[in-house]
N, C-alpha and C. Protein backbone atom coordinates (compact mmCIF):
# COMPACT_ATOMS: atom_id res chain seq x y z
N MET A 1 -1.84 -21.68 15.01
CA MET A 1 -0.80 -21.56 13.97
C MET A 1 -1.41 -21.67 12.58
N SER A 2 -2.28 -22.68 12.42
CA SER A 2 -2.88 -22.88 11.09
C SER A 2 -3.77 -21.70 10.71
N GLU A 3 -4.43 -21.13 11.73
CA GLU A 3 -5.30 -19.98 11.48
C GLU A 3 -4.49 -18.80 10.95
N LYS A 4 -3.33 -18.60 11.56
CA LYS A 4 -2.45 -17.51 11.15
C LYS A 4 -2.02 -17.71 9.70
N LYS A 5 -1.66 -18.95 9.36
CA LYS A 5 -1.22 -19.24 7.99
C LYS A 5 -2.35 -18.97 7.00
N GLN A 6 -3.57 -19.36 7.39
CA GLN A 6 -4.73 -19.13 6.52
C GLN A 6 -4.90 -17.64 6.24
N VAL A 7 -4.82 -16.85 7.30
CA VAL A 7 -4.97 -15.39 7.16
C VAL A 7 -3.90 -14.85 6.23
N GLN A 8 -2.67 -15.34 6.41
CA GLN A 8 -1.56 -14.90 5.56
C GLN A 8 -1.85 -15.18 4.09
N SER A 9 -2.30 -16.41 3.81
CA SER A 9 -2.54 -16.79 2.41
C SER A 9 -3.67 -15.94 1.82
N ILE A 10 -4.70 -15.69 2.61
CA ILE A 10 -5.82 -14.87 2.14
C ILE A 10 -5.35 -13.46 1.82
N SER A 11 -4.55 -12.90 2.73
CA SER A 11 -4.06 -11.53 2.52
C SER A 11 -3.15 -11.48 1.30
N LYS A 12 -2.39 -12.54 1.08
CA LYS A 12 -1.50 -12.59 -0.08
C LYS A 12 -2.33 -12.58 -1.36
N LYS A 13 -3.41 -13.37 -1.37
CA LYS A 13 -4.29 -13.42 -2.54
C LYS A 13 -4.93 -12.05 -2.80
N LEU A 14 -5.34 -11.41 -1.72
CA LEU A 14 -5.93 -10.07 -1.86
C LEU A 14 -4.93 -9.10 -2.46
N GLY A 15 -3.70 -9.19 -1.98
CA GLY A 15 -2.64 -8.33 -2.49
C GLY A 15 -2.42 -8.54 -3.98
N MET A 16 -2.42 -9.82 -4.38
CA MET A 16 -2.25 -10.15 -5.80
C MET A 16 -3.37 -9.52 -6.62
N GLY A 17 -4.59 -9.68 -6.15
CA GLY A 17 -5.74 -9.14 -6.85
C GLY A 17 -5.65 -7.63 -7.00
N LEU A 18 -5.26 -6.97 -5.93
CA LEU A 18 -5.13 -5.52 -5.97
C LEU A 18 -4.06 -5.10 -6.97
N MET A 19 -2.95 -5.84 -6.98
CA MET A 19 -1.87 -5.54 -7.93
C MET A 19 -2.38 -5.65 -9.36
N LEU A 20 -3.10 -6.73 -9.64
CA LEU A 20 -3.61 -6.95 -11.00
C LEU A 20 -4.58 -5.84 -11.38
N MET A 21 -5.44 -5.46 -10.44
CA MET A 21 -6.39 -4.38 -10.71
C MET A 21 -5.65 -3.08 -11.03
N LEU A 22 -4.61 -2.81 -10.23
CA LEU A 22 -3.82 -1.59 -10.44
C LEU A 22 -3.18 -1.60 -11.82
N VAL A 23 -2.59 -2.74 -12.18
CA VAL A 23 -1.93 -2.86 -13.49
C VAL A 23 -2.94 -2.63 -14.60
N GLY A 24 -4.09 -3.28 -14.50
CA GLY A 24 -5.13 -3.14 -15.52
C GLY A 24 -5.60 -1.71 -15.65
N TRP A 25 -5.84 -1.08 -14.51
CA TRP A 25 -6.32 0.31 -14.51
C TRP A 25 -5.30 1.24 -15.14
N LEU A 26 -4.02 1.03 -14.78
CA LEU A 26 -2.97 1.88 -15.35
C LEU A 26 -2.88 1.69 -16.86
N LEU A 27 -3.01 0.44 -17.30
CA LEU A 27 -2.94 0.18 -18.75
C LEU A 27 -4.09 0.87 -19.47
N VAL A 28 -5.28 0.79 -18.90
CA VAL A 28 -6.45 1.42 -19.52
C VAL A 28 -6.25 2.94 -19.58
N LYS A 29 -5.78 3.50 -18.46
CA LYS A 29 -5.54 4.94 -18.38
C LYS A 29 -4.53 5.37 -19.44
N ARG A 30 -3.50 4.55 -19.56
CA ARG A 30 -2.42 4.85 -20.49
C ARG A 30 -2.93 4.80 -21.93
N GLN A 31 -3.76 3.79 -22.21
CA GLN A 31 -4.27 3.63 -23.57
C GLN A 31 -5.19 4.79 -23.95
N SER A 32 -6.03 5.20 -22.99
CA SER A 32 -6.99 6.26 -23.30
C SER A 32 -6.28 7.59 -23.53
N ARG A 33 -5.13 7.77 -22.88
CA ARG A 33 -4.40 9.02 -23.03
C ARG A 33 -3.74 9.11 -24.40
N ARG A 34 -3.26 7.97 -24.89
CA ARG A 34 -2.54 7.97 -26.16
C ARG A 34 -3.47 7.64 -27.30
N THR A 35 -3.31 8.36 -28.41
CA THR A 35 -4.06 8.00 -29.60
C THR A 35 -3.07 7.56 -30.67
N GLY A 36 -3.58 6.87 -31.66
CA GLY A 36 -2.69 6.37 -32.71
C GLY A 36 -2.65 4.86 -32.71
N LYS A 37 -2.64 4.30 -33.90
CA LYS A 37 -2.74 2.85 -34.03
C LYS A 37 -1.54 2.14 -33.42
N VAL A 38 -0.35 2.69 -33.62
CA VAL A 38 0.86 2.02 -33.15
C VAL A 38 0.82 1.86 -31.64
N ALA A 39 0.46 2.94 -30.93
CA ALA A 39 0.44 2.92 -29.47
C ALA A 39 -0.60 1.92 -28.97
N SER A 40 -1.80 1.95 -29.57
CA SER A 40 -2.86 1.07 -29.10
C SER A 40 -2.51 -0.40 -29.38
N LYS A 41 -1.86 -0.64 -30.51
CA LYS A 41 -1.43 -2.01 -30.82
C LYS A 41 -0.44 -2.49 -29.78
N LEU A 42 0.50 -1.60 -29.45
CA LEU A 42 1.54 -1.94 -28.47
C LEU A 42 0.90 -2.27 -27.12
N VAL A 43 -0.03 -1.42 -26.70
CA VAL A 43 -0.70 -1.63 -25.42
C VAL A 43 -1.50 -2.92 -25.45
N ALA A 44 -2.18 -3.17 -26.56
CA ALA A 44 -2.98 -4.39 -26.69
C ALA A 44 -2.09 -5.62 -26.58
N ARG A 45 -0.95 -5.56 -27.25
CA ARG A 45 -0.02 -6.69 -27.20
C ARG A 45 0.48 -6.91 -25.78
N GLN A 46 0.78 -5.80 -25.09
CA GLN A 46 1.26 -5.88 -23.71
C GLN A 46 0.19 -6.48 -22.81
N ARG A 47 -1.05 -6.04 -23.03
CA ARG A 47 -2.14 -6.54 -22.19
C ARG A 47 -2.36 -8.03 -22.43
N GLU A 48 -2.27 -8.45 -23.69
CA GLU A 48 -2.42 -9.87 -24.00
C GLU A 48 -1.35 -10.69 -23.28
N ALA A 49 -0.12 -10.20 -23.36
CA ALA A 49 0.99 -10.90 -22.71
C ALA A 49 0.75 -10.96 -21.20
N ALA A 50 0.27 -9.86 -20.65
CA ALA A 50 0.00 -9.80 -19.21
C ALA A 50 -1.08 -10.81 -18.84
N ALA A 51 -2.13 -10.87 -19.65
CA ALA A 51 -3.22 -11.80 -19.39
C ALA A 51 -2.72 -13.24 -19.41
N ARG A 52 -1.84 -13.53 -20.38
CA ARG A 52 -1.28 -14.88 -20.48
C ARG A 52 -0.48 -15.23 -19.23
N LYS A 53 0.33 -14.26 -18.77
CA LYS A 53 1.15 -14.50 -17.58
C LYS A 53 0.27 -14.67 -16.35
N ILE A 54 -0.80 -13.87 -16.27
CA ILE A 54 -1.70 -13.94 -15.13
C ILE A 54 -2.38 -15.31 -15.11
N ASP A 55 -2.74 -15.82 -16.30
CA ASP A 55 -3.35 -17.15 -16.38
C ASP A 55 -2.42 -18.20 -15.80
N ARG A 56 -1.11 -17.99 -16.02
CA ARG A 56 -0.13 -18.92 -15.47
C ARG A 56 0.06 -18.70 -13.97
N GLY A 57 -0.51 -17.61 -13.47
CA GLY A 57 -0.48 -17.37 -12.03
C GLY A 57 0.71 -16.58 -11.56
N ARG A 58 1.19 -15.65 -12.41
CA ARG A 58 2.31 -14.84 -11.95
C ARG A 58 2.12 -13.41 -12.44
N VAL A 59 2.36 -12.47 -11.53
CA VAL A 59 2.14 -11.06 -11.85
C VAL A 59 3.27 -10.56 -12.75
N PRO A 60 2.92 -9.96 -13.89
CA PRO A 60 3.97 -9.48 -14.80
C PRO A 60 4.65 -8.22 -14.27
N ALA A 61 5.79 -8.40 -13.66
CA ALA A 61 6.52 -7.28 -13.07
C ALA A 61 7.01 -6.33 -14.15
N ALA A 62 7.32 -6.88 -15.32
CA ALA A 62 7.82 -6.07 -16.43
C ALA A 62 6.76 -5.05 -16.86
N VAL A 63 5.51 -5.49 -16.90
CA VAL A 63 4.42 -4.60 -17.29
C VAL A 63 4.27 -3.50 -16.24
N VAL A 64 4.31 -3.90 -14.97
CA VAL A 64 4.19 -2.92 -13.89
C VAL A 64 5.28 -1.88 -14.02
N ARG A 65 6.52 -2.35 -14.27
CA ARG A 65 7.66 -1.47 -14.38
C ARG A 65 7.49 -0.52 -15.56
N ALA A 66 7.02 -1.06 -16.69
CA ALA A 66 6.85 -0.26 -17.90
C ALA A 66 5.80 0.83 -17.66
N VAL A 67 4.70 0.45 -17.03
CA VAL A 67 3.61 1.39 -16.79
C VAL A 67 4.06 2.48 -15.83
N ARG A 68 4.76 2.08 -14.76
CA ARG A 68 5.20 3.06 -13.77
C ARG A 68 6.29 3.96 -14.33
N GLY A 69 7.17 3.36 -15.16
CA GLY A 69 8.32 4.11 -15.65
C GLY A 69 7.95 5.16 -16.67
N ARG A 70 7.20 4.76 -17.70
CA ARG A 70 6.91 5.67 -18.81
C ARG A 70 5.45 6.10 -18.76
N HIS A 71 5.20 7.33 -18.36
CA HIS A 71 3.81 7.82 -18.30
C HIS A 71 3.50 8.66 -19.52
């Protein structure tokens, strides 16, 4: 039983890491596509907020939604 729980927690951590990587990659892709100071400032602010939330240990769903929604 304990072994199963361990595997679950490990897979959950892996999933979190993959999510964060995906979010970061999408943000970078998005920033490189757009030029202009306003857009880059906005993206930078979003990334900072995301980093702060990640430090607290929670995936920023709002950022994921924003990135997926508006390409």
